[in-house]
Amino acid sequence: MKYIMLTIVSIVGLQLSIFSQSPIQRYYKCINSAEKCLIEDKLDSTLYYYGKAAEYRPIMFAKDLHNAAVVAIQQGTPNLASQYLSSLIKLGAALEVLRENSFFNTYFGTEHGKKWIEESHRIKPTYNV
């Protein structure tokens, strides 16, 4: 009987510990999963996990936004790439620096990319002071 109660308490405790994770812990789990999928060349899954990470931390970190934008361009999802790039600009990334990346350069050469460049000049960086 002791073992049954111990098992039940352990299972309940495990469930509670899973649900008690902070949003930043969930964010990093999703980013970790996205990077694992990227290494395994599962780009659809990579985009999925980057999207889930954005649910836990709406203002993603710049390196994660950069990686997500590159994967979105590779997957041929220009609207998603534009969202990630716009978020990068809001964090203070310079368009000139983004143009140095070959993935972004090919994207900026497309019709959708040219339109985004015109719109990106209106984006004002917001800094967390």
Protein backbone atom coordinates (compact mmCIF):
# COMPACT_ATOMS: atom_id res chain seq x y z
CA MET A 1 0.00 0.00 0.00
CA LYS A 2 2.89 2.32 0.81
CA TYR A 3 4.35 1.82 -2.65
CA ILE A 4 1.06 2.58 -4.37
CA MET A 5 0.66 5.82 -2.42
CA LEU A 6 4.29 6.76 -3.07
CA THR A 7 3.81 6.15 -6.80
CA ILE A 8 0.63 8.24 -6.89
CA VAL A 9 2.28 11.10 -4.99
CA SER A 10 5.30 10.95 -7.32
CA ILE A 11 3.15 11.10 -10.43
CA VAL A 12 1.12 14.03 -9.10
CA GLY A 13 4.32 15.83 -8.06
CA LEU A 14 5.82 15.32 -11.49
CA GLN A 15 2.71 16.73 -13.15
CA LEU A 16 2.77 19.78 -10.89
CA SER A 17 6.44 20.42 -11.61
CA ILE A 18 5.79 20.34 -15.35
CA PHE A 19 2.97 22.86 -15.07
CA SER A 20 4.94 25.12 -12.75
CA GLN A 21 7.56 26.02 -15.37
CA SER A 22 7.94 29.70 -16.03
CA PRO A 23 7.29 31.12 -19.50
CA ILE A 24 11.01 31.72 -20.03
CA GLN A 25 11.74 28.06 -19.30
CA ARG A 26 9.11 27.03 -21.83
CA TYR A 27 10.57 29.54 -24.31
CA TYR A 28 14.02 28.00 -24.03
CA LYS A 29 12.61 24.47 -24.36
CA CYS A 30 10.92 25.49 -27.61
CA ILE A 31 14.08 27.21 -28.87
CA ASN A 32 16.09 24.12 -28.00
CA SER A 33 13.62 21.94 -29.91
CA ALA A 34 13.73 24.32 -32.87
CA GLU A 35 17.52 24.18 -32.97
CA LYS A 36 17.49 20.37 -32.75
CA CYS A 37 15.07 20.23 -35.68
CA LEU A 38 17.26 22.69 -37.59
CA ILE A 39 20.27 20.42 -37.14
CA GLU A 40 18.21 17.47 -38.34
CA ASP A 41 17.05 19.55 -41.36
CA LYS A 42 13.39 19.42 -40.32
CA LEU A 43 12.57 23.00 -41.30
CA ASP A 44 8.79 22.69 -40.92
CA SER A 45 9.20 21.58 -37.33
CA THR A 46 11.77 24.29 -36.75
CA LEU A 47 9.27 26.99 -37.75
CA TYR A 48 6.63 25.38 -35.57
CA TYR A 49 8.86 25.52 -32.48
CA TYR A 50 9.91 29.10 -33.17
CA GLY A 51 6.21 29.99 -33.34
CA LYS A 52 5.56 28.21 -30.04
CA ALA A 53 8.49 30.06 -28.47
CA ALA A 54 6.92 33.36 -29.52
CA GLU A 55 3.80 32.41 -27.59
CA TYR A 56 5.81 32.17 -24.36
CA ARG A 57 7.92 35.28 -24.96
CA PRO A 58 6.30 37.70 -27.42
CA ILE A 59 9.52 39.71 -27.81
CA MET A 60 11.93 36.97 -28.82
CA PHE A 61 15.68 37.35 -28.49
CA ALA A 62 17.45 38.75 -31.55
CA LYS A 63 19.51 35.65 -32.35
CA ASP A 64 16.36 33.53 -32.29
CA LEU A 65 14.53 36.01 -34.53
CA HIS A 66 17.46 35.96 -36.93
CA ASN A 67 17.48 32.16 -37.11
CA ALA A 68 13.70 32.01 -37.48
CA ALA A 69 13.80 34.54 -40.33
CA VAL A 70 16.46 32.52 -42.17
CA VAL A 71 14.41 29.33 -41.82
CA ALA A 72 11.24 31.13 -42.94
CA ILE A 73 13.04 32.35 -46.07
CA GLN A 74 14.34 28.84 -46.76
CA GLN A 75 10.82 27.44 -46.36
CA GLY A 76 9.35 30.00 -48.74
CA THR A 77 7.10 31.74 -46.21
CA PRO A 78 7.75 35.42 -46.93
CA ASN A 79 5.04 36.75 -44.62
CA LEU A 80 6.53 34.95 -41.65
CA ALA A 81 10.03 36.07 -42.64
CA SER A 82 8.76 39.67 -42.77
CA GLN A 83 7.33 39.37 -39.27
CA TYR A 84 10.60 38.08 -37.86
CA LEU A 85 12.63 40.71 -39.72
CA SER A 86 10.32 43.48 -38.53
CA SER A 87 10.79 42.29 -34.97
CA LEU A 88 14.55 42.39 -35.50
CA ILE A 89 14.34 46.00 -36.70
CA LYS A 90 12.22 46.86 -33.64
CA LEU A 91 15.02 45.48 -31.46
CA GLY A 92 17.49 47.82 -33.17
CA ALA A 93 18.99 45.76 -35.99
CA ALA A 94 20.20 47.86 -38.89
CA LEU A 95 18.96 47.07 -42.39
CA GLU A 96 22.51 47.41 -43.71
CA VAL A 97 23.67 44.68 -41.34
CA LEU A 98 20.82 42.41 -42.39
CA ARG A 99 21.79 42.89 -46.03
CA GLU A 100 25.19 41.33 -45.31
CA ASN A 101 23.48 37.96 -44.78
CA SER A 102 23.21 36.04 -48.05
CA PHE A 103 19.81 34.55 -47.13
CA PHE A 104 18.37 37.98 -46.49
CA ASN A 105 19.96 39.38 -49.64
CA THR A 106 18.15 36.83 -51.81
CA TYR A 107 14.91 37.62 -49.97
CA PHE A 108 15.40 41.37 -50.41
CA GLY A 109 15.74 40.76 -54.14
CA THR A 110 12.23 39.34 -54.38
CA GLU A 111 9.12 41.44 -54.87
CA HIS A 112 7.94 40.72 -51.34
CA GLY A 113 11.37 41.62 -49.97
CA LYS A 114 11.49 44.93 -51.83
CA LYS A 115 8.07 45.81 -50.46
CA TRP A 116 9.22 44.94 -46.94
CA ILE A 117 12.31 47.15 -47.28
CA GLU A 118 10.09 50.13 -48.13
CA GLU A 119 7.90 49.43 -45.11
CA SER A 120 10.86 48.77 -42.80
CA HIS A 121 11.94 52.41 -42.93
CA ARG A 122 8.81 53.27 -40.92
CA ILE A 123 9.61 50.83 -38.12
CA LYS A 124 10.93 52.60 -35.05
CA PRO A 125 13.20 50.64 -32.71
CA THR A 126 11.90 50.30 -29.18
CA TYR A 127 14.44 49.89 -26.43
CA ASN A 128 13.79 48.51 -22.97
CA VAL A 129 15.50 51.02 -20.72
